Amino acid sequence: MKSGKHPEYNPTTIICACGAVYQTRSTRDNLKIGICSACHPFFTGEQKFIDTAGRVEKFSRRYGSVHATRAQGTVSATQAQASKLATKKR
């Protein structure tokens, strides 16, 4: 490798807003981050799924279920494309 072209890769400290400290290597010195695996809700198990204002039920009422449209005999987009390709090949 050519000298002077690549940045220096040095040991550094990463400090989270929650107080967790990680030692690693980076091209930057003393990084400060806002969230890490020690305080992120996904990793701590505190993640909650909130259905604000019944959005799932509203969607279900508006568009119905997928099984109801298939039972009525409608053709899906992939089936329509497959039939078009089959007629072109003939």
N, C-alpha and C. Protein backbone atom coordinates (compact mmCIF):
# COMPACT_ATOMS: atom_id res chain seq x y z
N MET A 1 0.84 -1.19 0.00
CA MET A 1 0.00 0.00 0.00
C MET A 1 0.88 1.24 0.00
N LYS A 2 0.36 2.26 -0.62
CA LYS A 2 1.10 3.52 -0.64
C LYS A 2 1.00 4.19 0.72
N SER A 3 2.09 4.78 1.14
CA SER A 3 2.08 5.48 2.43
C SER A 3 1.46 6.86 2.28
N GLY A 4 0.74 7.31 3.30
CA GLY A 4 0.14 8.63 3.30
C GLY A 4 -1.21 8.70 2.60
N LYS A 5 -1.66 7.61 1.99
CA LYS A 5 -2.92 7.62 1.26
C LYS A 5 -4.10 7.19 2.13
N HIS A 6 -3.86 6.28 3.06
CA HIS A 6 -4.92 5.73 3.88
C HIS A 6 -4.93 6.41 5.26
N PRO A 7 -6.13 6.60 5.84
CA PRO A 7 -6.20 7.21 7.18
C PRO A 7 -5.65 6.26 8.24
N GLU A 8 -5.22 6.82 9.35
CA GLU A 8 -4.69 6.02 10.45
C GLU A 8 -5.84 5.33 11.19
N TYR A 9 -5.62 4.08 11.56
CA TYR A 9 -6.61 3.25 12.23
C TYR A 9 -6.13 3.02 13.65
N ASN A 10 -6.69 3.75 14.60
CA ASN A 10 -6.20 3.77 15.98
C ASN A 10 -7.25 3.27 16.96
N PRO A 11 -6.84 2.82 18.14
CA PRO A 11 -7.81 2.49 19.19
C PRO A 11 -8.59 3.75 19.61
N THR A 12 -9.88 3.59 19.84
CA THR A 12 -10.72 4.72 20.22
C THR A 12 -11.77 4.28 21.23
N THR A 13 -12.44 5.23 21.84
CA THR A 13 -13.48 4.97 22.81
C THR A 13 -14.81 5.49 22.27
N ILE A 14 -15.85 4.65 22.37
CA ILE A 14 -17.20 5.05 21.97
C ILE A 14 -18.01 5.19 23.24
N ILE A 15 -18.62 6.37 23.45
CA ILE A 15 -19.40 6.65 24.65
C ILE A 15 -20.85 6.89 24.24
N CYS A 16 -21.77 6.12 24.85
CA CYS A 16 -23.19 6.28 24.57
C CYS A 16 -23.80 7.28 25.54
N ALA A 17 -24.96 7.81 25.18
CA ALA A 17 -25.66 8.75 26.05
C ALA A 17 -26.13 8.09 27.34
N CYS A 18 -26.32 6.76 27.31
CA CYS A 18 -26.75 6.06 28.52
C CYS A 18 -25.60 5.80 29.48
N GLY A 19 -24.36 6.03 29.03
CA GLY A 19 -23.20 5.85 29.89
C GLY A 19 -22.36 4.64 29.54
N ALA A 20 -22.79 3.82 28.61
CA ALA A 20 -22.02 2.64 28.22
C ALA A 20 -20.78 3.09 27.45
N VAL A 21 -19.67 2.41 27.71
CA VAL A 21 -18.39 2.75 27.08
C VAL A 21 -17.88 1.52 26.35
N TYR A 22 -17.48 1.68 25.09
CA TYR A 22 -16.96 0.59 24.27
C TYR A 22 -15.57 0.97 23.77
N GLN A 23 -14.67 0.01 23.81
CA GLN A 23 -13.33 0.20 23.27
C GLN A 23 -13.27 -0.51 21.91
N THR A 24 -12.84 0.18 20.88
CA THR A 24 -12.74 -0.39 19.54
C THR A 24 -11.65 0.33 18.78
N ARG A 25 -11.59 0.10 17.49
CA ARG A 25 -10.62 0.79 16.64
C ARG A 25 -11.39 1.53 15.55
N SER A 26 -10.91 2.71 15.19
CA SER A 26 -11.58 3.53 14.19
C SER A 26 -10.61 4.55 13.63
N THR A 27 -11.03 5.20 12.55
CA THR A 27 -10.24 6.29 11.99
C THR A 27 -10.54 7.60 12.70
N ARG A 28 -11.57 7.61 13.57
CA ARG A 28 -11.93 8.80 14.34
C ARG A 28 -11.65 8.56 15.81
N ASP A 29 -11.45 9.61 16.56
CA ASP A 29 -11.15 9.50 17.98
C ASP A 29 -12.35 9.85 18.84
N ASN A 30 -12.56 9.10 19.92
CA ASN A 30 -13.55 9.40 20.95
C ASN A 30 -14.92 9.76 20.38
N LEU A 31 -15.64 8.76 19.90
CA LEU A 31 -16.97 8.94 19.32
C LEU A 31 -18.02 9.00 20.42
N LYS A 32 -19.04 9.83 20.23
CA LYS A 32 -20.18 9.91 21.14
C LYS A 32 -21.42 9.57 20.34
N ILE A 33 -22.20 8.60 20.82
CA ILE A 33 -23.40 8.16 20.12
C ILE A 33 -24.62 8.36 21.01
N GLY A 34 -25.80 8.39 20.40
CA GLY A 34 -27.03 8.64 21.14
C GLY A 34 -27.71 7.40 21.65
N ILE A 35 -27.48 6.25 21.01
CA ILE A 35 -28.15 5.02 21.42
C ILE A 35 -27.25 3.84 21.07
N CYS A 36 -27.27 2.82 21.92
CA CYS A 36 -26.43 1.64 21.69
C CYS A 36 -27.24 0.39 22.01
N SER A 37 -26.59 -0.76 21.94
CA SER A 37 -27.29 -2.02 22.21
C SER A 37 -27.66 -2.17 23.69
N ALA A 38 -27.02 -1.43 24.56
CA ALA A 38 -27.34 -1.51 25.99
C ALA A 38 -28.62 -0.75 26.34
N CYS A 39 -29.00 0.24 25.53
CA CYS A 39 -30.18 1.04 25.86
C CYS A 39 -31.26 1.03 24.77
N HIS A 40 -31.01 0.40 23.64
CA HIS A 40 -32.01 0.37 22.57
C HIS A 40 -33.15 -0.57 22.95
N PRO A 41 -34.42 -0.15 22.77
CA PRO A 41 -35.56 -0.97 23.18
C PRO A 41 -35.61 -2.35 22.53
N PHE A 42 -35.13 -2.50 21.32
CA PHE A 42 -35.16 -3.80 20.66
C PHE A 42 -34.28 -4.80 21.40
N PHE A 43 -33.11 -4.37 21.84
CA PHE A 43 -32.17 -5.27 22.50
C PHE A 43 -32.49 -5.46 23.98
N THR A 44 -33.15 -4.50 24.59
CA THR A 44 -33.46 -4.63 26.02
C THR A 44 -34.77 -5.36 26.26
N GLY A 45 -35.55 -5.61 25.21
CA GLY A 45 -36.81 -6.33 25.36
C GLY A 45 -37.97 -5.44 25.75
N GLU A 46 -37.80 -4.14 25.72
CA GLU A 46 -38.86 -3.21 26.10
C GLU A 46 -39.64 -2.70 24.89
N GLN A 47 -39.36 -3.29 23.72
CA GLN A 47 -40.04 -2.83 22.51
C GLN A 47 -41.51 -3.19 22.59
N LYS A 48 -42.36 -2.22 22.25
CA LYS A 48 -43.80 -2.42 22.29
C LYS A 48 -44.38 -2.03 20.94
N PHE A 49 -45.33 -2.83 20.46
CA PHE A 49 -46.02 -2.51 19.23
C PHE A 49 -47.31 -1.81 19.60
N ILE A 50 -47.44 -0.58 19.19
CA ILE A 50 -48.60 0.22 19.54
C ILE A 50 -49.44 0.44 18.29
N ASP A 51 -50.70 0.04 18.35
CA ASP A 51 -51.63 0.24 17.24
C ASP A 51 -52.38 1.53 17.51
N THR A 52 -51.82 2.63 17.05
CA THR A 52 -52.40 3.94 17.31
C THR A 52 -53.67 4.12 16.50
N ALA A 53 -54.73 4.42 17.16
CA ALA A 53 -56.04 4.74 16.57
C ALA A 53 -56.59 3.59 15.73
N GLY A 54 -56.23 2.35 16.07
CA GLY A 54 -56.81 1.19 15.38
C GLY A 54 -56.48 1.13 13.90
N ARG A 55 -55.25 1.42 13.52
CA ARG A 55 -54.88 1.46 12.11
C ARG A 55 -55.03 0.10 11.42
N VAL A 56 -54.72 -0.97 12.13
CA VAL A 56 -54.84 -2.30 11.53
C VAL A 56 -56.31 -2.61 11.25
N GLU A 57 -57.18 -2.34 12.21
CA GLU A 57 -58.60 -2.59 12.01
C GLU A 57 -59.16 -1.70 10.90
N LYS A 58 -58.72 -0.45 10.84
CA LYS A 58 -59.17 0.47 9.80
C LYS A 58 -58.77 -0.05 8.42
N PHE A 59 -57.54 -0.56 8.30
CA PHE A 59 -57.08 -1.12 7.04
C PHE A 59 -57.92 -2.35 6.67
N SER A 60 -58.18 -3.21 7.66
CA SER A 60 -58.97 -4.42 7.40
C SER A 60 -60.39 -4.07 6.96
N ARG A 61 -60.99 -3.06 7.57
CA ARG A 61 -62.34 -2.65 7.17
C ARG A 61 -62.34 -2.07 5.76
N ARG A 62 -61.32 -1.29 5.44
CA ARG A 62 -61.28 -0.62 4.16
C ARG A 62 -61.01 -1.59 3.01
N TYR A 63 -60.05 -2.48 3.19
CA TYR A 63 -59.63 -3.34 2.09
C TYR A 63 -60.06 -4.79 2.25
N GLY A 64 -60.61 -5.16 3.37
CA GLY A 64 -61.06 -6.53 3.58
C GLY A 64 -59.88 -7.47 3.72
N SER A 65 -60.19 -8.74 3.79
CA SER A 65 -59.11 -9.72 3.93
C SER A 65 -58.69 -10.22 2.55
N VAL A 66 -57.51 -10.76 2.47
CA VAL A 66 -56.98 -11.26 1.20
C VAL A 66 -57.75 -12.50 0.77
N HIS A 67 -58.16 -13.32 1.72
CA HIS A 67 -58.85 -14.56 1.39
C HIS A 67 -60.21 -14.30 0.75
N ALA A 68 -60.87 -13.23 1.11
CA ALA A 68 -62.18 -12.93 0.55
C ALA A 68 -62.07 -12.58 -0.92
N THR A 69 -61.04 -11.87 -1.34
CA THR A 69 -60.91 -11.50 -2.75
C THR A 69 -60.54 -12.70 -3.60
N ARG A 70 -59.76 -13.63 -3.07
CA ARG A 70 -59.40 -14.82 -3.82
C ARG A 70 -60.59 -15.75 -3.95
N ALA A 71 -61.45 -15.79 -2.95
CA ALA A 71 -62.61 -16.66 -2.98
C ALA A 71 -63.61 -16.21 -4.03
N GLN A 72 -63.61 -14.93 -4.37
CA GLN A 72 -64.54 -14.40 -5.36
C GLN A 72 -64.11 -14.74 -6.78
N GLY A 73 -62.89 -15.26 -6.94
CA GLY A 73 -62.46 -15.68 -8.26
C GLY A 73 -61.67 -14.63 -9.01
N THR A 74 -61.13 -13.66 -8.37
CA THR A 74 -60.34 -12.66 -9.06
C THR A 74 -58.98 -13.25 -9.41
N VAL A 75 -58.39 -12.75 -10.47
CA VAL A 75 -57.10 -13.23 -10.94
C VAL A 75 -56.02 -12.33 -10.40
N SER A 76 -54.96 -12.92 -9.86
CA SER A 76 -53.88 -12.10 -9.33
C SER A 76 -53.05 -11.54 -10.47
N ALA A 77 -52.23 -10.56 -10.18
CA ALA A 77 -51.40 -9.91 -11.19
C ALA A 77 -50.39 -10.88 -11.77
N THR A 78 -49.83 -11.76 -10.96
CA THR A 78 -48.84 -12.70 -11.47
C THR A 78 -49.48 -13.73 -12.39
N GLN A 79 -50.71 -14.15 -12.09
CA GLN A 79 -51.40 -15.08 -12.95
C GLN A 79 -51.75 -14.42 -14.28
N ALA A 80 -52.11 -13.14 -14.25
CA ALA A 80 -52.44 -12.42 -15.48
C ALA A 80 -51.20 -12.27 -16.36
N GLN A 81 -50.05 -11.97 -15.75
CA GLN A 81 -48.81 -11.85 -16.52
C GLN A 81 -48.41 -13.18 -17.11
N ALA A 82 -48.59 -14.25 -16.38
CA ALA A 82 -48.23 -15.58 -16.87
C ALA A 82 -49.08 -15.96 -18.07
N SER A 83 -50.37 -15.63 -18.04
CA SER A 83 -51.23 -15.95 -19.17
C SER A 83 -50.89 -15.11 -20.38
N LYS A 84 -50.48 -13.85 -20.19
CA LYS A 84 -50.05 -13.01 -21.31
C LYS A 84 -48.80 -13.57 -21.97
N LEU A 85 -47.85 -14.03 -21.16
CA LEU A 85 -46.63 -14.61 -21.70
C LEU A 85 -46.91 -15.89 -22.46
N ALA A 86 -47.85 -16.68 -21.95
CA ALA A 86 -48.18 -17.94 -22.61
C ALA A 86 -48.83 -17.68 -23.97
N THR A 87 -49.65 -16.64 -24.08
CA THR A 87 -50.28 -16.34 -25.37
C THR A 87 -49.29 -15.74 -26.36
N LYS A 88 -48.29 -15.03 -25.89
CA LYS A 88 -47.27 -14.46 -26.77
C LYS A 88 -46.37 -15.54 -27.38
N LYS A 89 -46.10 -16.60 -26.61
CA LYS A 89 -45.22 -17.66 -27.07
C LYS A 89 -45.87 -18.53 -28.14
N ARG A 90 -47.18 -18.52 -28.25
CA ARG A 90 -47.89 -19.37 -29.21
C ARG A 90 -47.76 -18.84 -30.57
